[in-house]
């Protein structure tokens, strides 16, 4: 006989993970947001593998449905994370100088 239900244990771990994750993300310095996003994408990829294993090993239809839903949501999270990370990295690139307007050059030559 178990003293605590495994479902309750999993729920407690889930709530603690939310609490710790919230505080980790909001206390990070702005310079480290891009590396944090990259690590978050890697963790989400691990979640995809875990969700596939959970979906494959469960015997009920509800479990398979939830596992498939978890895979789909984690895949969307990874894709969106990579898009956001790419946009953040593009902000650090040097901007190319704008080409001069042809009319401006022609006016300078005539002077």
N, C-alpha and C. Protein backbone atom coordinates (compact mmCIF):
# COMPACT_ATOMS: atom_id res chain seq x y z
N UNK A 1 0.84 -1.19 0.00
CA UNK A 1 0.00 0.00 0.00
C UNK A 1 0.88 1.25 0.00
N UNK A 2 0.57 2.15 -0.91
CA UNK A 2 1.34 3.38 -1.02
C UNK A 2 0.72 4.47 -0.16
N UNK A 3 1.58 5.25 0.48
CA UNK A 3 1.09 6.34 1.32
C UNK A 3 0.63 7.53 0.50
N UNK A 4 1.34 7.79 -0.59
CA UNK A 4 1.01 8.94 -1.44
C UNK A 4 0.78 8.42 -2.86
N UNK A 5 -0.26 8.91 -3.48
CA UNK A 5 -0.59 8.51 -4.85
C UNK A 5 0.50 8.98 -5.81
N UNK A 6 0.88 8.14 -6.79
CA UNK A 6 1.86 8.60 -7.79
C UNK A 6 1.38 9.83 -8.57
N UNK A 7 0.09 9.95 -8.76
CA UNK A 7 -0.46 11.12 -9.45
C UNK A 7 -0.21 12.38 -8.64
N UNK A 8 -0.41 12.30 -7.33
CA UNK A 8 -0.16 13.45 -6.47
C UNK A 8 1.33 13.80 -6.46
N UNK A 9 2.18 12.81 -6.44
CA UNK A 9 3.63 13.05 -6.49
C UNK A 9 4.00 13.75 -7.79
N UNK A 10 3.47 13.29 -8.90
CA UNK A 10 3.75 13.92 -10.19
C UNK A 10 3.22 15.35 -10.24
N UNK A 11 2.06 15.59 -9.65
CA UNK A 11 1.49 16.94 -9.62
C UNK A 11 2.37 17.88 -8.78
N UNK A 12 2.87 17.40 -7.66
CA UNK A 12 3.74 18.22 -6.82
C UNK A 12 5.03 18.56 -7.57
N UNK A 13 5.61 17.59 -8.26
CA UNK A 13 6.83 17.84 -9.04
C UNK A 13 6.55 18.86 -10.14
N UNK A 14 5.41 18.73 -10.78
CA UNK A 14 5.04 19.67 -11.85
C UNK A 14 4.91 21.09 -11.32
N UNK A 15 4.24 21.26 -10.20
CA UNK A 15 4.06 22.60 -9.62
C UNK A 15 5.41 23.18 -9.18
N UNK A 16 6.27 22.37 -8.59
CA UNK A 16 7.60 22.84 -8.19
C UNK A 16 8.43 23.24 -9.41
N UNK A 17 8.32 22.48 -10.50
CA UNK A 17 9.06 22.81 -11.72
C UNK A 17 8.59 24.14 -12.29
N UNK A 18 7.30 24.40 -12.24
CA UNK A 18 6.77 25.69 -12.70
C UNK A 18 7.33 26.82 -11.84
N UNK A 19 7.33 26.64 -10.54
CA UNK A 19 7.82 27.67 -9.61
C UNK A 19 9.30 27.96 -9.85
N UNK A 20 10.11 26.92 -9.91
CA UNK A 20 11.55 27.10 -10.11
C UNK A 20 11.82 27.70 -11.49
N UNK A 21 11.14 27.21 -12.52
CA UNK A 21 11.33 27.74 -13.87
C UNK A 21 10.98 29.22 -13.96
N UNK A 22 9.91 29.61 -13.33
CA UNK A 22 9.51 31.02 -13.32
C UNK A 22 10.60 31.89 -12.72
N UNK A 23 11.12 31.49 -11.58
CA UNK A 23 12.14 32.29 -10.91
C UNK A 23 13.47 32.28 -11.66
N UNK A 24 13.81 31.18 -12.30
CA UNK A 24 15.06 31.13 -13.07
C UNK A 24 14.98 32.07 -14.27
N UNK A 25 13.87 32.04 -14.98
CA UNK A 25 13.75 32.87 -16.18
C UNK A 25 13.71 34.35 -15.84
N UNK A 26 13.01 34.74 -14.81
CA UNK A 26 12.86 36.16 -14.51
C UNK A 26 14.05 36.77 -13.77
N UNK A 27 14.97 35.94 -13.26
CA UNK A 27 16.14 36.50 -12.57
C UNK A 27 17.39 36.48 -13.45
N UNK A 28 17.27 36.00 -14.67
CA UNK A 28 18.43 35.94 -15.56
C UNK A 28 18.70 37.34 -16.13
N UNK A 29 19.97 37.67 -16.32
CA UNK A 29 20.31 38.98 -16.88
C UNK A 29 19.95 39.01 -18.37
N UNK A 30 19.63 40.18 -18.91
CA UNK A 30 19.22 40.26 -20.32
C UNK A 30 20.27 39.73 -21.29
N UNK A 31 21.54 39.80 -20.94
CA UNK A 31 22.59 39.32 -21.85
C UNK A 31 22.55 37.81 -22.02
N UNK A 32 21.93 37.12 -21.09
CA UNK A 32 21.91 35.66 -21.15
C UNK A 32 20.59 35.10 -21.68
N UNK A 33 19.71 35.94 -22.19
CA UNK A 33 18.43 35.44 -22.68
C UNK A 33 18.59 34.54 -23.90
N UNK A 34 19.49 34.87 -24.81
CA UNK A 34 19.67 34.04 -26.01
C UNK A 34 20.20 32.66 -25.66
N UNK A 35 21.25 32.52 -24.83
CA UNK A 35 21.67 31.17 -24.44
C UNK A 35 20.59 30.42 -23.67
N UNK A 36 19.81 31.15 -22.87
CA UNK A 36 18.73 30.50 -22.14
C UNK A 36 17.69 29.93 -23.10
N UNK A 37 17.40 30.67 -24.17
CA UNK A 37 16.46 30.17 -25.17
C UNK A 37 16.99 28.91 -25.84
N UNK A 38 18.28 28.88 -26.13
CA UNK A 38 18.87 27.70 -26.77
C UNK A 38 18.78 26.49 -25.86
N UNK A 39 19.04 26.68 -24.58
CA UNK A 39 18.95 25.57 -23.62
C UNK A 39 17.50 25.12 -23.48
N UNK A 40 16.58 26.06 -23.49
CA UNK A 40 15.16 25.71 -23.39
C UNK A 40 14.73 24.88 -24.60
N UNK A 41 15.23 25.21 -25.77
CA UNK A 41 14.92 24.40 -26.96
C UNK A 41 15.45 22.99 -26.82
N UNK A 42 16.65 22.84 -26.26
CA UNK A 42 17.21 21.50 -26.06
C UNK A 42 16.37 20.71 -25.07
N UNK A 43 15.92 21.36 -24.01
CA UNK A 43 15.07 20.67 -23.03
C UNK A 43 13.75 20.26 -23.67
N UNK A 44 13.20 21.12 -24.50
CA UNK A 44 11.94 20.78 -25.18
C UNK A 44 12.13 19.59 -26.12
N UNK A 45 13.30 19.48 -26.73
CA UNK A 45 13.57 18.32 -27.58
C UNK A 45 13.61 17.05 -26.74
N UNK A 46 14.14 17.14 -25.53
CA UNK A 46 14.14 15.98 -24.63
C UNK A 46 12.71 15.64 -24.23
N UNK A 47 11.88 16.65 -24.04
CA UNK A 47 10.47 16.42 -23.71
C UNK A 47 9.77 15.68 -24.85
N UNK A 48 10.13 15.99 -26.09
CA UNK A 48 9.54 15.28 -27.23
C UNK A 48 9.88 13.79 -27.17
N UNK A 49 11.13 13.48 -26.88
CA UNK A 49 11.53 12.07 -26.78
C UNK A 49 10.77 11.38 -25.65
N UNK A 50 10.66 12.04 -24.50
CA UNK A 50 9.92 11.47 -23.37
C UNK A 50 8.45 11.27 -23.69
N UNK A 51 7.86 12.23 -24.39
CA UNK A 51 6.45 12.11 -24.75
C UNK A 51 6.23 10.97 -25.74
N UNK A 52 7.18 10.77 -26.67
CA UNK A 52 7.05 9.65 -27.60
C UNK A 52 7.15 8.32 -26.86
N UNK A 53 8.06 8.24 -25.90
CA UNK A 53 8.18 7.02 -25.10
C UNK A 53 6.92 6.78 -24.29
N UNK A 54 6.39 7.83 -23.68
CA UNK A 54 5.17 7.69 -22.87
C UNK A 54 3.99 7.27 -23.74
N UNK A 55 3.89 7.83 -24.93
CA UNK A 55 2.78 7.48 -25.82
C UNK A 55 2.92 6.04 -26.31
N UNK A 56 4.15 5.59 -26.53
CA UNK A 56 4.36 4.24 -27.04
C UNK A 56 4.14 3.18 -25.95
N UNK A 57 4.46 3.51 -24.72
CA UNK A 57 4.40 2.51 -23.65
C UNK A 57 3.05 2.43 -22.95
N UNK A 58 2.18 3.38 -23.17
CA UNK A 58 0.88 3.35 -22.50
C UNK A 58 -0.05 2.37 -23.22
N UNK A 59 -1.01 1.88 -22.47
CA UNK A 59 -1.92 0.87 -23.04
C UNK A 59 -3.30 1.44 -23.35
N UNK A 60 -3.66 2.54 -22.76
CA UNK A 60 -5.00 3.09 -22.97
C UNK A 60 -5.00 4.08 -24.13
N UNK A 61 -6.17 4.25 -24.70
CA UNK A 61 -6.31 5.21 -25.80
C UNK A 61 -6.12 6.65 -25.30
N UNK A 62 -6.59 6.93 -24.10
CA UNK A 62 -6.44 8.27 -23.54
C UNK A 62 -4.96 8.60 -23.34
N UNK A 63 -4.19 7.63 -22.89
CA UNK A 63 -2.76 7.83 -22.70
C UNK A 63 -2.04 8.08 -24.01
N UNK A 64 -2.42 7.32 -25.04
CA UNK A 64 -1.82 7.52 -26.36
C UNK A 64 -2.18 8.90 -26.92
N UNK A 65 -3.42 9.31 -26.70
CA UNK A 65 -3.86 10.62 -27.16
C UNK A 65 -3.09 11.73 -26.44
N UNK A 66 -2.95 11.61 -25.14
CA UNK A 66 -2.22 12.63 -24.37
C UNK A 66 -0.75 12.66 -24.77
N UNK A 67 -0.15 11.48 -25.01
CA UNK A 67 1.24 11.43 -25.45
C UNK A 67 1.43 12.08 -26.81
N UNK A 68 0.51 11.82 -27.72
CA UNK A 68 0.56 12.44 -29.05
C UNK A 68 0.38 13.95 -28.95
N UNK A 69 -0.53 14.39 -28.09
CA UNK A 69 -0.73 15.82 -27.88
C UNK A 69 0.53 16.46 -27.29
N UNK A 70 1.18 15.75 -26.36
CA UNK A 70 2.42 16.27 -25.77
C UNK A 70 3.51 16.40 -26.82
N UNK A 71 3.61 15.43 -27.72
CA UNK A 71 4.61 15.50 -28.79
C UNK A 71 4.33 16.71 -29.69
N UNK A 72 3.07 16.90 -30.05
CA UNK A 72 2.71 18.01 -30.94
C UNK A 72 2.99 19.36 -30.28
N UNK A 73 2.61 19.52 -29.03
CA UNK A 73 2.82 20.80 -28.35
C UNK A 73 4.31 21.08 -28.12
N UNK A 74 5.07 20.05 -27.78
CA UNK A 74 6.51 20.25 -27.60
C UNK A 74 7.18 20.59 -28.92
N UNK A 75 6.71 20.00 -30.02
CA UNK A 75 7.28 20.32 -31.33
C UNK A 75 7.00 21.77 -31.71
N UNK A 76 5.80 22.25 -31.42
CA UNK A 76 5.47 23.66 -31.67
C UNK A 76 6.36 24.55 -30.81
N UNK A 77 6.59 24.15 -29.57
CA UNK A 77 7.45 24.92 -28.67
C UNK A 77 8.88 25.00 -29.19
N UNK A 78 9.41 23.88 -29.67
CA UNK A 78 10.78 23.88 -30.21
C UNK A 78 10.86 24.77 -31.45
N UNK A 79 9.91 24.63 -32.35
CA UNK A 79 9.91 25.43 -33.58
C UNK A 79 9.82 26.92 -33.26
N UNK A 80 8.90 27.29 -32.39
CA UNK A 80 8.77 28.69 -32.00
C UNK A 80 10.01 29.21 -31.28
N UNK A 81 10.61 28.36 -30.47
CA UNK A 81 11.82 28.76 -29.76
C UNK A 81 12.97 29.03 -30.70
N UNK A 82 13.11 28.20 -31.73
CA UNK A 82 14.17 28.44 -32.70
C UNK A 82 13.91 29.72 -33.49
N UNK A 83 12.66 30.01 -33.81
CA UNK A 83 12.35 31.26 -34.51
C UNK A 83 12.71 32.48 -33.65
N UNK A 84 12.33 32.43 -32.39
CA UNK A 84 12.62 33.55 -31.49
C UNK A 84 14.12 33.70 -31.30
N UNK A 85 14.84 32.58 -31.13
CA UNK A 85 16.29 32.63 -30.95
C UNK A 85 16.95 33.23 -32.19
N UNK A 86 16.50 32.83 -33.38
CA UNK A 86 17.08 33.38 -34.60
C UNK A 86 16.86 34.89 -34.69
N UNK A 87 15.67 35.34 -34.33
CA UNK A 87 15.39 36.78 -34.37
C UNK A 87 16.24 37.52 -33.35
N UNK A 88 16.46 36.91 -32.19
CA UNK A 88 17.30 37.56 -31.18
C UNK A 88 18.75 37.65 -31.67
N UNK A 89 19.24 36.61 -32.32
CA UNK A 89 20.61 36.63 -32.83
C UNK A 89 20.77 37.62 -33.97
N UNK A 90 19.73 37.82 -34.78
CA UNK A 90 19.80 38.78 -35.88
C UNK A 90 19.93 40.21 -35.37
N UNK A 91 19.49 40.46 -34.15
CA UNK A 91 19.61 41.81 -33.59
C UNK A 91 21.07 42.17 -33.33
N UNK A 92 21.94 41.16 -33.17
CA UNK A 92 23.35 41.41 -32.89
C UNK A 92 24.19 41.57 -34.16
N UNK A 93 23.63 41.26 -35.33
CA UNK A 93 24.38 41.39 -36.58
C UNK A 93 24.56 42.86 -36.94
N UNK A 94 25.69 43.15 -37.58
CA UNK A 94 25.92 44.51 -38.04
C UNK A 94 25.04 44.76 -39.26
N UNK A 95 24.47 45.93 -39.30
CA UNK A 95 23.62 46.28 -40.42
C UNK A 95 24.48 46.77 -41.57
N UNK A 96 24.14 46.33 -42.78
CA UNK A 96 24.87 46.76 -43.98
C UNK A 96 24.52 48.21 -44.28
N UNK A 97 25.49 48.97 -44.79
CA UNK A 97 25.18 50.37 -45.13
C UNK A 97 24.16 50.41 -46.27
N UNK A 98 23.29 51.37 -46.19
CA UNK A 98 22.26 51.51 -47.22
C UNK A 98 22.89 52.01 -48.51
N UNK A 99 22.50 51.45 -49.65
CA UNK A 99 23.06 51.95 -50.92
C UNK A 99 22.56 53.38 -51.17
N UNK A 100 23.46 54.18 -51.71
CA UNK A 100 23.11 55.58 -51.98
C UNK A 100 22.09 55.66 -53.11
N UNK A 101 21.25 56.63 -53.03
CA UNK A 101 20.22 56.83 -54.04
C UNK A 101 20.86 57.36 -55.33
N UNK A 102 20.43 56.87 -56.50
CA UNK A 102 21.00 57.29 -57.78
C UNK A 102 20.80 58.79 -58.02
N UNK A 103 19.65 59.31 -57.63
CA UNK A 103 19.39 60.74 -57.83
C UNK A 103 20.33 61.59 -56.99
N UNK A 104 20.66 61.14 -55.82
CA UNK A 104 21.57 61.89 -54.95
C UNK A 104 22.96 61.94 -55.55
N UNK A 105 23.44 60.81 -56.08
CA UNK A 105 24.77 60.77 -56.70
C UNK A 105 24.83 61.66 -57.93
N UNK A 106 23.78 61.64 -58.73
CA UNK A 106 23.76 62.46 -59.94
C UNK A 106 23.78 63.94 -59.59
N UNK A 107 23.11 64.32 -58.53
CA UNK A 107 23.09 65.72 -58.12
C UNK A 107 24.46 66.14 -57.61
N UNK A 108 25.18 65.24 -56.95
CA UNK A 108 26.51 65.56 -56.43
C UNK A 108 27.51 65.72 -57.57
N UNK A 109 27.39 64.90 -58.62
CA UNK A 109 28.32 64.96 -59.75
C UNK A 109 28.14 66.27 -60.50
N UNK A 110 26.92 66.74 -60.68
CA UNK A 110 26.64 67.97 -61.41
C UNK A 110 27.17 69.21 -60.68
N UNK A 111 27.26 69.17 -59.39
CA UNK A 111 27.68 70.35 -58.62
C UNK A 111 29.12 70.69 -58.79
